[in-house]
N, C-alpha and C. Protein backbone atom coordinates (compact mmCIF):
# COMPACT_ATOMS: atom_id res chain seq x y z
N MET A 1 14.23 50.08 -15.31
CA MET A 1 13.03 48.74 -16.42
C MET A 1 12.38 48.24 -14.58
N ASP A 2 11.56 48.36 -14.60
CA ASP A 2 10.79 47.82 -13.84
C ASP A 2 10.83 45.81 -13.76
N GLY A 3 10.76 45.15 -12.84
CA GLY A 3 10.72 43.56 -13.19
C GLY A 3 11.60 42.95 -13.42
N PHE A 4 11.53 41.78 -13.84
CA PHE A 4 12.75 41.02 -14.58
C PHE A 4 12.88 41.43 -16.28
N PRO A 5 14.15 41.46 -16.38
CA PRO A 5 14.23 41.47 -17.84
C PRO A 5 14.11 40.83 -18.97
N GLN A 6 13.29 40.42 -19.91
CA GLN A 6 12.65 39.39 -20.76
C GLN A 6 14.57 38.81 -21.48
N ASP A 7 14.44 37.75 -21.52
CA ASP A 7 15.29 36.53 -22.13
C ASP A 7 14.92 36.63 -23.55
N PRO A 8 15.89 37.01 -24.70
CA PRO A 8 15.26 36.70 -26.16
C PRO A 8 15.43 35.07 -26.26
N VAL A 9 16.19 34.65 -25.88
CA VAL A 9 17.32 33.71 -25.94
C VAL A 9 16.52 32.53 -25.36
N ARG A 10 15.30 32.39 -24.56
CA ARG A 10 15.00 31.23 -23.08
C ARG A 10 14.55 30.23 -24.51
N GLY A 11 14.46 28.89 -23.29
CA GLY A 11 13.63 27.46 -24.08
C GLY A 11 12.39 27.95 -24.13
N ILE A 12 12.17 26.70 -24.30
CA ILE A 12 10.43 26.07 -24.34
C ILE A 12 10.25 25.80 -22.82
N GLN A 13 8.88 26.72 -22.50
CA GLN A 13 8.82 26.47 -20.94
C GLN A 13 7.65 25.59 -21.12
N VAL A 14 7.61 24.48 -19.89
CA VAL A 14 6.40 23.33 -20.23
C VAL A 14 5.32 23.58 -18.67
N THR A 15 3.82 23.14 -19.32
CA THR A 15 3.29 23.65 -17.73
C THR A 15 2.44 21.83 -17.77
N MET A 16 2.72 21.09 -16.90
CA MET A 16 1.84 20.08 -16.93
C MET A 16 1.05 19.85 -16.06
N MET A 17 -0.12 19.31 -15.99
CA MET A 17 -1.08 18.80 -15.30
C MET A 17 -1.35 17.28 -14.83
N LEU A 18 -1.83 16.64 -13.71
CA LEU A 18 -2.70 15.81 -14.14
C LEU A 18 -4.17 16.50 -14.00
N ALA A 19 -4.43 15.03 -14.58
CA ALA A 19 -6.46 15.07 -14.64
C ALA A 19 -7.21 13.91 -14.62
N ASP A 20 -8.10 14.13 -14.95
CA ASP A 20 -8.97 13.00 -15.31
C ASP A 20 -9.57 12.94 -16.86
N TYR A 21 -9.86 14.05 -17.61
CA TYR A 21 -9.52 13.84 -19.18
C TYR A 21 -9.12 15.16 -19.33
N VAL A 22 -8.88 15.11 -20.61
CA VAL A 22 -8.14 16.31 -21.61
C VAL A 22 -8.13 16.41 -22.94
N ASP A 23 -8.54 17.75 -23.01
CA ASP A 23 -9.23 17.29 -24.53
C ASP A 23 -8.18 18.99 -25.36
N ALA A 24 -7.50 18.97 -26.53
CA ALA A 24 -6.58 19.91 -26.72
C ALA A 24 -6.96 20.02 -28.00
N SER A 25 -8.24 19.45 -28.72
CA SER A 25 -8.17 19.33 -30.25
C SER A 25 -8.22 21.01 -30.92
N LYS A 26 -9.16 21.79 -30.08
CA LYS A 26 -9.36 23.45 -31.05
C LYS A 26 -8.20 23.83 -30.09
N GLY A 27 -7.13 23.83 -30.15
CA GLY A 27 -5.82 24.39 -29.86
C GLY A 27 -5.38 25.05 -28.51
N SER A 28 -6.50 24.93 -27.66
CA SER A 28 -6.64 25.13 -25.89
C SER A 28 -6.68 23.89 -25.32
N LEU A 29 -6.54 23.98 -24.08
CA LEU A 29 -7.38 22.74 -22.82
C LEU A 29 -8.44 22.64 -22.47
N THR A 30 -8.97 21.75 -22.17
CA THR A 30 -10.32 21.53 -21.72
C THR A 30 -10.15 20.37 -21.10
N ILE A 31 -9.68 20.88 -19.77
CA ILE A 31 -9.06 19.73 -18.28
C ILE A 31 -10.55 19.85 -17.39
N VAL A 32 -11.07 17.99 -17.05
CA VAL A 32 -11.67 18.06 -16.24
C VAL A 32 -10.99 16.95 -15.22
N GLY A 33 -11.57 17.75 -14.38
CA GLY A 33 -11.01 17.09 -13.03
C GLY A 33 -9.40 17.15 -12.96
N GLY A 34 -8.81 18.49 -13.07
CA GLY A 34 -7.27 18.57 -13.38
C GLY A 34 -6.92 19.34 -11.79
N GLY A 35 -5.73 19.64 -11.92
CA GLY A 35 -5.15 20.18 -11.00
C GLY A 35 -4.95 18.76 -9.74
N ALA A 36 -4.90 17.62 -9.54
CA ALA A 36 -4.83 16.92 -8.37
C ALA A 36 -3.52 16.36 -8.12
N ASN A 37 -3.09 15.82 -6.59
CA ASN A 37 -1.70 14.83 -7.40
C ASN A 37 -1.88 13.97 -6.52
N ILE A 38 -3.29 13.28 -6.60
CA ILE A 38 -3.51 11.90 -6.03
C ILE A 38 -4.04 11.52 -7.11
N THR A 39 -4.15 10.38 -7.18
CA THR A 39 -5.22 9.38 -7.93
C THR A 39 -5.59 8.05 -7.42
N GLY A 40 -6.38 7.33 -8.22
CA GLY A 40 -6.52 5.99 -7.37
C GLY A 40 -6.51 4.92 -8.80
N PRO A 41 -6.16 3.79 -7.99
CA PRO A 41 -5.75 2.72 -9.12
C PRO A 41 -6.73 2.44 -10.47
N ASN A 42 -8.13 2.84 -10.00
CA ASN A 42 -8.65 2.71 -11.14
C ASN A 42 -9.36 3.48 -12.06
N ALA A 43 -8.83 5.07 -11.69
CA ALA A 43 -9.36 6.63 -11.84
C ALA A 43 -8.48 6.65 -13.35
N PRO A 44 -9.29 7.60 -14.07
CA PRO A 44 -8.67 7.76 -15.29
C PRO A 44 -7.27 9.00 -15.38
N HIS A 45 -6.46 8.85 -16.18
CA HIS A 45 -4.97 9.15 -15.65
C HIS A 45 -5.08 10.07 -17.21
N SER A 46 -4.83 11.11 -17.22
CA SER A 46 -4.28 11.93 -18.03
C SER A 46 -3.70 12.87 -17.91
N LEU A 47 -3.19 13.36 -19.03
CA LEU A 47 -1.69 14.86 -18.95
C LEU A 47 -2.35 15.54 -19.66
N ALA A 48 -2.04 17.39 -18.88
CA ALA A 48 -2.31 18.02 -19.93
C ALA A 48 -0.99 18.31 -20.33
N LEU A 49 -0.82 19.20 -21.43
CA LEU A 49 0.84 19.74 -21.23
C LEU A 49 0.48 21.00 -21.97
N SER A 50 0.98 22.36 -21.32
CA SER A 50 1.39 23.84 -22.29
C SER A 50 2.27 23.85 -22.34
N PHE A 51 2.86 24.09 -23.99
CA PHE A 51 3.94 24.63 -24.32
C PHE A 51 4.16 25.94 -24.86
N LEU A 52 5.38 26.12 -24.21
CA LEU A 52 4.83 28.23 -24.57
C LEU A 52 6.61 28.10 -25.23
N VAL A 53 6.44 28.43 -26.81
CA VAL A 53 7.86 28.48 -27.83
C VAL A 53 8.04 29.52 -28.01
N PRO A 54 9.07 30.28 -28.14
CA PRO A 54 10.04 31.15 -28.22
C PRO A 54 10.07 31.52 -29.51
N SER A 55 9.68 32.61 -30.24
CA SER A 55 9.75 32.86 -31.67
C SER A 55 11.03 31.87 -31.97
N HIS A 56 11.93 32.06 -31.40
CA HIS A 56 13.03 31.44 -32.15
C HIS A 56 13.64 30.19 -32.32
N LEU A 57 12.14 29.63 -31.53
CA LEU A 57 12.09 28.22 -31.99
C LEU A 57 10.75 27.60 -32.72
N ALA A 58 10.12 28.46 -32.75
CA ALA A 58 8.95 28.50 -33.71
C ALA A 58 9.50 27.91 -35.44
N ASP A 59 8.07 27.89 -35.64
CA ASP A 59 9.04 27.27 -37.48
C ASP A 59 9.46 26.03 -37.33
N GLN A 60 9.30 25.18 -36.66
CA GLN A 60 10.24 23.82 -36.81
C GLN A 60 9.21 22.51 -35.72
N GLN A 61 9.46 21.15 -36.29
CA GLN A 61 9.39 20.37 -35.47
C GLN A 61 10.28 20.31 -34.24
N HIS A 62 9.27 19.64 -32.89
CA HIS A 62 10.02 19.49 -31.50
C HIS A 62 9.21 17.74 -31.43
N THR A 63 10.15 17.10 -30.22
CA THR A 63 9.67 16.40 -29.79
C THR A 63 9.32 16.29 -28.88
N PHE A 64 8.70 15.03 -28.09
CA PHE A 64 8.62 15.02 -26.31
C PHE A 64 8.79 13.80 -26.06
N ARG A 65 9.24 13.27 -24.76
CA ARG A 65 8.94 11.81 -24.27
C ARG A 65 8.62 12.20 -22.81
N LEU A 66 7.52 11.40 -22.42
CA LEU A 66 7.27 11.34 -20.76
C LEU A 66 7.27 9.73 -20.45
N GLU A 67 7.80 9.80 -19.33
CA GLU A 67 8.42 8.53 -18.70
C GLU A 67 7.75 8.06 -17.66
N LEU A 68 6.80 7.41 -17.48
CA LEU A 68 6.26 7.33 -15.71
C LEU A 68 7.49 6.58 -15.01
N ILE A 69 7.80 7.13 -14.66
CA ILE A 69 8.69 6.63 -13.02
C ILE A 69 8.50 6.04 -11.62
N ASP A 70 9.43 5.22 -11.43
CA ASP A 70 9.25 5.30 -9.65
C ASP A 70 9.87 6.22 -8.65
N MET A 71 9.99 6.06 -7.55
CA MET A 71 10.55 6.97 -6.69
C MET A 71 12.40 6.77 -7.05
N ASP A 72 12.40 5.14 -7.51
CA ASP A 72 13.95 5.40 -7.59
C ASP A 72 14.78 5.52 -8.61
N GLY A 73 13.70 6.03 -9.92
CA GLY A 73 13.96 6.14 -10.91
C GLY A 73 13.80 5.15 -12.29
N ASN A 74 13.36 3.97 -11.84
CA ASN A 74 13.17 3.33 -12.45
C ASN A 74 11.61 3.23 -13.71
N GLY A 75 11.47 2.92 -14.54
CA GLY A 75 9.82 2.93 -15.21
C GLY A 75 9.40 1.59 -14.59
N VAL A 76 8.43 2.47 -15.16
CA VAL A 76 7.15 1.68 -14.01
C VAL A 76 5.90 1.31 -15.79
N GLY A 77 5.51 -0.15 -15.54
CA GLY A 77 5.15 -0.95 -16.29
C GLY A 77 3.64 -1.14 -15.73
N VAL A 78 2.37 -0.86 -16.74
CA VAL A 78 1.36 -0.99 -15.91
C VAL A 78 0.14 -1.78 -16.73
N THR A 79 -0.64 -2.25 -16.74
CA THR A 79 -1.30 -3.40 -17.19
C THR A 79 -1.55 -2.67 -18.69
N THR A 80 -1.92 -1.88 -18.85
CA THR A 80 -2.47 -1.52 -20.28
C THR A 80 -1.07 -1.82 -21.32
N THR A 81 0.57 -1.74 -21.20
CA THR A 81 1.62 -1.63 -21.72
C THR A 81 2.31 -3.17 -21.59
N ALA A 82 1.51 -4.16 -21.00
CA ALA A 82 2.16 -5.51 -20.78
C ALA A 82 3.11 -5.34 -19.98
N HIS A 83 3.59 -4.57 -18.93
CA HIS A 83 3.93 -4.56 -18.15
C HIS A 83 5.32 -3.82 -18.59
N GLN A 84 5.38 -3.52 -19.53
CA GLN A 84 6.83 -2.53 -20.24
C GLN A 84 7.02 -1.24 -19.80
N PRO A 85 7.91 -0.34 -19.20
CA PRO A 85 7.73 0.85 -19.04
C PRO A 85 7.22 1.61 -20.05
N LEU A 86 6.21 2.61 -18.87
CA LEU A 86 5.48 3.12 -19.90
C LEU A 86 5.55 4.90 -20.59
N VAL A 87 5.95 4.85 -21.33
CA VAL A 87 6.91 5.89 -22.47
C VAL A 87 5.62 6.72 -23.29
N VAL A 88 5.40 7.51 -23.73
CA VAL A 88 4.92 8.63 -24.41
C VAL A 88 5.67 9.70 -25.51
N GLU A 89 5.79 8.99 -26.66
CA GLU A 89 6.22 10.30 -27.49
C GLU A 89 4.78 11.48 -28.06
N GLY A 90 5.68 12.10 -28.27
CA GLY A 90 4.79 12.59 -29.63
C GLY A 90 5.70 14.16 -30.21
N GLN A 91 5.01 14.81 -30.98
CA GLN A 91 5.53 16.02 -31.52
C GLN A 91 4.83 16.82 -31.91
N PHE A 92 5.16 18.16 -31.96
CA PHE A 92 4.50 19.27 -31.92
C PHE A 92 5.13 20.49 -32.59
N ALA A 93 4.68 21.53 -33.16
CA ALA A 93 5.17 22.45 -33.92
C ALA A 93 4.34 23.59 -33.81
N VAL A 94 4.67 24.74 -33.17
CA VAL A 94 4.25 26.19 -33.80
C VAL A 94 4.80 27.39 -35.03
N GLU A 95 3.49 27.71 -35.60
CA GLU A 95 4.20 28.79 -36.79
C GLU A 95 4.24 30.27 -36.20
N ALA A 96 5.42 30.85 -35.85
CA ALA A 96 4.89 32.26 -35.50
C ALA A 96 4.91 33.24 -36.87
N THR A 97 3.98 34.24 -36.07
CA THR A 97 3.62 34.95 -36.93
C THR A 97 4.08 36.23 -37.66
N GLU A 98 4.11 37.20 -38.89
CA GLU A 98 4.82 37.32 -39.28
C GLU A 98 5.85 38.77 -38.46
N ASP A 99 4.50 39.47 -37.84
CA ASP A 99 4.97 40.20 -36.91
C ASP A 99 5.34 39.96 -35.61
N ALA A 100 5.69 38.70 -35.38
CA ALA A 100 6.40 38.38 -33.99
C ALA A 100 7.99 39.42 -33.04
N LEU A 101 7.07 39.47 -31.82
CA LEU A 101 8.14 40.03 -31.40
C LEU A 101 9.78 39.51 -31.27
N ASP A 102 10.76 40.31 -30.48
CA ASP A 102 11.84 38.84 -30.19
C ASP A 102 11.11 38.94 -28.25
N GLY A 103 11.09 37.53 -28.33
CA GLY A 103 11.16 36.79 -27.18
C GLY A 103 9.60 36.16 -26.86
N GLN A 104 8.55 36.55 -28.09
CA GLN A 104 7.24 36.47 -27.68
C GLN A 104 6.99 34.86 -28.22
N THR A 105 5.94 34.27 -27.03
CA THR A 105 6.12 32.95 -27.26
C THR A 105 4.69 32.38 -27.86
N PHE A 106 4.80 31.12 -28.26
CA PHE A 106 3.62 30.86 -29.37
C PHE A 106 3.21 29.76 -28.51
N PRO A 107 1.99 29.66 -27.88
CA PRO A 107 1.49 28.24 -26.89
C PRO A 107 0.70 27.15 -28.07
N CYS A 108 0.97 25.59 -27.29
CA CYS A 108 0.96 24.80 -28.29
C CYS A 108 0.29 23.71 -27.17
N SER A 109 -0.80 23.33 -27.31
CA SER A 109 -1.33 22.27 -25.29
C SER A 109 -1.64 20.72 -26.45
N VAL A 110 -1.07 20.08 -25.81
CA VAL A 110 -1.18 18.37 -26.08
C VAL A 110 -2.15 18.34 -24.92
N GLY A 111 -2.77 17.32 -25.19
CA GLY A 111 -4.12 16.09 -24.01
C GLY A 111 -3.63 14.79 -24.41
N ILE A 112 -3.44 14.08 -23.57
CA ILE A 112 -3.11 12.08 -23.13
C ILE A 112 -3.75 11.59 -22.21
N ASN A 113 -4.61 11.26 -23.05
CA ASN A 113 -5.58 10.49 -22.43
C ASN A 113 -5.33 9.28 -22.46
N LEU A 114 -4.73 8.43 -21.21
CA LEU A 114 -4.52 6.82 -20.85
C LEU A 114 -5.12 5.98 -20.20
N GLY A 115 -6.65 6.33 -19.36
CA GLY A 115 -7.30 5.62 -19.03
C GLY A 115 -6.70 5.16 -17.90
N ALA A 116 -7.53 4.12 -17.12
CA ALA A 116 -7.22 3.71 -15.68
C ALA A 116 -5.65 2.88 -16.03
N LEU A 117 -4.73 2.97 -15.12
CA LEU A 117 -3.43 2.14 -15.16
C LEU A 117 -3.31 1.28 -14.60
N GLY A 118 -4.48 1.03 -13.45
CA GLY A 118 -4.51 0.29 -12.48
C GLY A 118 -2.76 0.05 -11.65
N LEU A 119 -2.20 1.45 -11.16
CA LEU A 119 -0.94 1.32 -10.12
C LEU A 119 -1.19 1.05 -8.82
N PRO A 120 -0.78 0.59 -8.36
CA PRO A 120 -0.48 -0.35 -6.51
C PRO A 120 -1.22 1.29 -6.29
N PRO A 121 -1.55 0.91 -5.05
CA PRO A 121 -1.97 2.00 -3.97
C PRO A 121 -0.95 2.28 -2.81
N HIS A 122 -1.13 3.42 -2.67
CA HIS A 122 -0.10 4.14 -1.49
C HIS A 122 1.39 4.50 -1.93
N GLN A 123 1.69 4.13 -3.58
CA GLN A 123 2.72 4.52 -3.93
C GLN A 123 2.70 5.89 -4.51
N THR A 124 3.82 6.62 -4.43
CA THR A 124 4.46 8.11 -5.14
C THR A 124 5.21 7.49 -6.64
N TYR A 125 4.73 8.19 -7.62
CA TYR A 125 5.37 8.08 -8.63
C TYR A 125 5.75 9.38 -9.75
N GLU A 126 6.52 9.46 -10.97
CA GLU A 126 7.02 11.14 -11.62
C GLU A 126 6.87 10.47 -13.37
N TRP A 127 6.07 11.58 -13.84
CA TRP A 127 6.31 11.71 -14.95
C TRP A 127 7.43 12.62 -15.01
N ARG A 128 8.25 11.80 -16.10
CA ARG A 128 9.67 13.12 -16.64
C ARG A 128 9.55 13.18 -17.77
N LEU A 129 9.55 14.36 -18.08
CA LEU A 129 9.27 15.06 -19.55
C LEU A 129 11.40 15.21 -19.66
N MET A 130 11.00 14.92 -21.04
CA MET A 130 12.04 15.31 -21.95
C MET A 130 11.32 16.37 -23.09
N VAL A 131 12.37 17.39 -24.05
CA VAL A 131 11.80 18.13 -25.03
C VAL A 131 12.69 18.02 -26.31
N ASP A 132 12.95 17.53 -27.39
CA ASP A 132 14.17 17.82 -27.94
C ASP A 132 15.59 17.53 -27.42
N GLY A 133 15.04 16.15 -26.32
CA GLY A 133 16.21 15.34 -25.37
C GLY A 133 16.69 16.30 -24.72
N GLU A 134 16.02 17.12 -24.35
CA GLU A 134 16.83 17.98 -22.96
C GLU A 134 15.73 17.71 -21.90
N ALA A 135 15.96 17.56 -20.58
CA ALA A 135 15.35 17.88 -19.73
C ALA A 135 15.10 18.68 -18.65
N ASP A 136 14.33 19.36 -17.89
CA ASP A 136 14.37 20.54 -17.14
C ASP A 136 14.14 19.94 -15.93
N GLU A 137 14.43 20.91 -14.86
CA GLU A 137 14.08 20.27 -12.85
C GLU A 137 11.90 20.81 -13.33
N ASP A 138 12.14 21.56 -13.78
CA ASP A 138 10.63 21.71 -13.98
C ASP A 138 10.10 21.06 -14.89
N TRP A 139 10.16 19.93 -15.40
CA TRP A 139 9.39 19.37 -16.32
C TRP A 139 9.27 17.75 -15.69
N ARG A 140 8.79 18.18 -14.05
CA ARG A 140 8.85 16.79 -13.79
C ARG A 140 6.99 17.09 -12.97
N LEU A 141 6.54 15.71 -12.70
CA LEU A 141 5.24 16.03 -11.93
C LEU A 141 4.83 14.61 -11.17
N VAL A 142 4.80 15.24 -10.03
CA VAL A 142 4.74 14.24 -9.03
C VAL A 142 3.34 13.68 -8.49
N PHE A 143 3.18 12.18 -8.28
CA PHE A 143 1.94 12.50 -8.14
C PHE A 143 1.99 11.18 -6.85
N HIS A 144 0.03 10.89 -6.40
CA HIS A 144 -0.04 9.53 -5.11
C HIS A 144 -0.60 8.79 -5.88
N THR A 145 -0.80 7.36 -5.38
CA THR A 145 -2.24 6.56 -5.44
C THR A 145 -2.64 6.12 -3.80
N ILE A 146 -3.48 5.92 -3.90
CA ILE A 146 -3.95 5.82 -3.10
C ILE A 146 -4.76 4.64 -2.94
N PRO A 147 -5.57 3.87 -2.29
CA PRO A 147 -6.74 2.67 -2.21
C PRO A 147 -7.95 3.32 -3.25
N PRO A 148 -8.77 2.05 -3.34
CA PRO A 148 -10.04 2.57 -3.82
C PRO A 148 -10.69 3.04 -2.90
N VAL A 149 -11.80 3.28 -3.12
CA VAL A 149 -12.44 3.79 -2.29
C VAL A 149 -13.81 2.64 -1.94
N GLN A 150 -13.91 2.16 -0.69
CA GLN A 150 -14.48 1.22 -0.41
C GLN A 150 -16.13 1.16 -1.00
N GLY A 151 -16.50 -0.11 -2.40
CA GLY A 151 -17.53 0.20 -2.66
C GLY A 151 -17.88 0.62 -3.87
N GLN A 152 -16.80 1.49 -4.52
CA GLN A 152 -16.56 1.89 -5.88
C GLN A 152 -15.27 1.23 -6.76
N GLN A 153 -15.17 0.31 -6.31
CA GLN A 153 -14.06 -0.32 -7.26
C GLN A 153 -14.99 -1.09 -8.54
N ARG A 154 -14.42 -0.72 -9.47
CA ARG A 154 -14.88 -1.43 -11.06
C ARG A 154 -14.94 -2.85 -10.58
N ARG A 155 -16.26 -3.24 -11.49
CA ARG A 155 -16.68 -4.76 -11.60
C ARG A 155 -16.45 -5.60 -12.80
N ALA A 156 -15.65 -6.65 -12.62
CA ALA A 156 -15.31 -6.77 -14.34
C ALA A 156 -16.64 -6.99 -14.55
N ALA A 157 -17.02 -7.31 -16.14
CA ALA A 157 -18.17 -7.76 -16.56
C ALA A 157 -18.30 -9.33 -16.81
């Protein structure tokens, strides 16, 4: 057999990406300004999540929890949450087809648009994901903040 053998009982796989805007309304992800790991304090802040659910975990409800943490592992509060630690929770489910193969995965896309978070410049943060109460070393998204570009700060109306 060539390559790596498929593990028919593997768990959910997740890909996460920071973006300016995400739309998952039609089942796939539309990502604007995605893939960077640097953001400004007044830049829009969105997360694109792509879950690959194996057939043995399909046809059931799954929960996810994203926590914004600093590099000391502390929850980070932002202006939009009255400086309480920012946590995003949600649910997803996929349906297996009748002719699903053992080990086949089914995609589920989630887009989260948070707007500008007002995070302080010159800091490093991490989005940490849990699915069904489980964490995985690969379910982390580290990013950095930079100061706003001179002359491009949003002005109060």
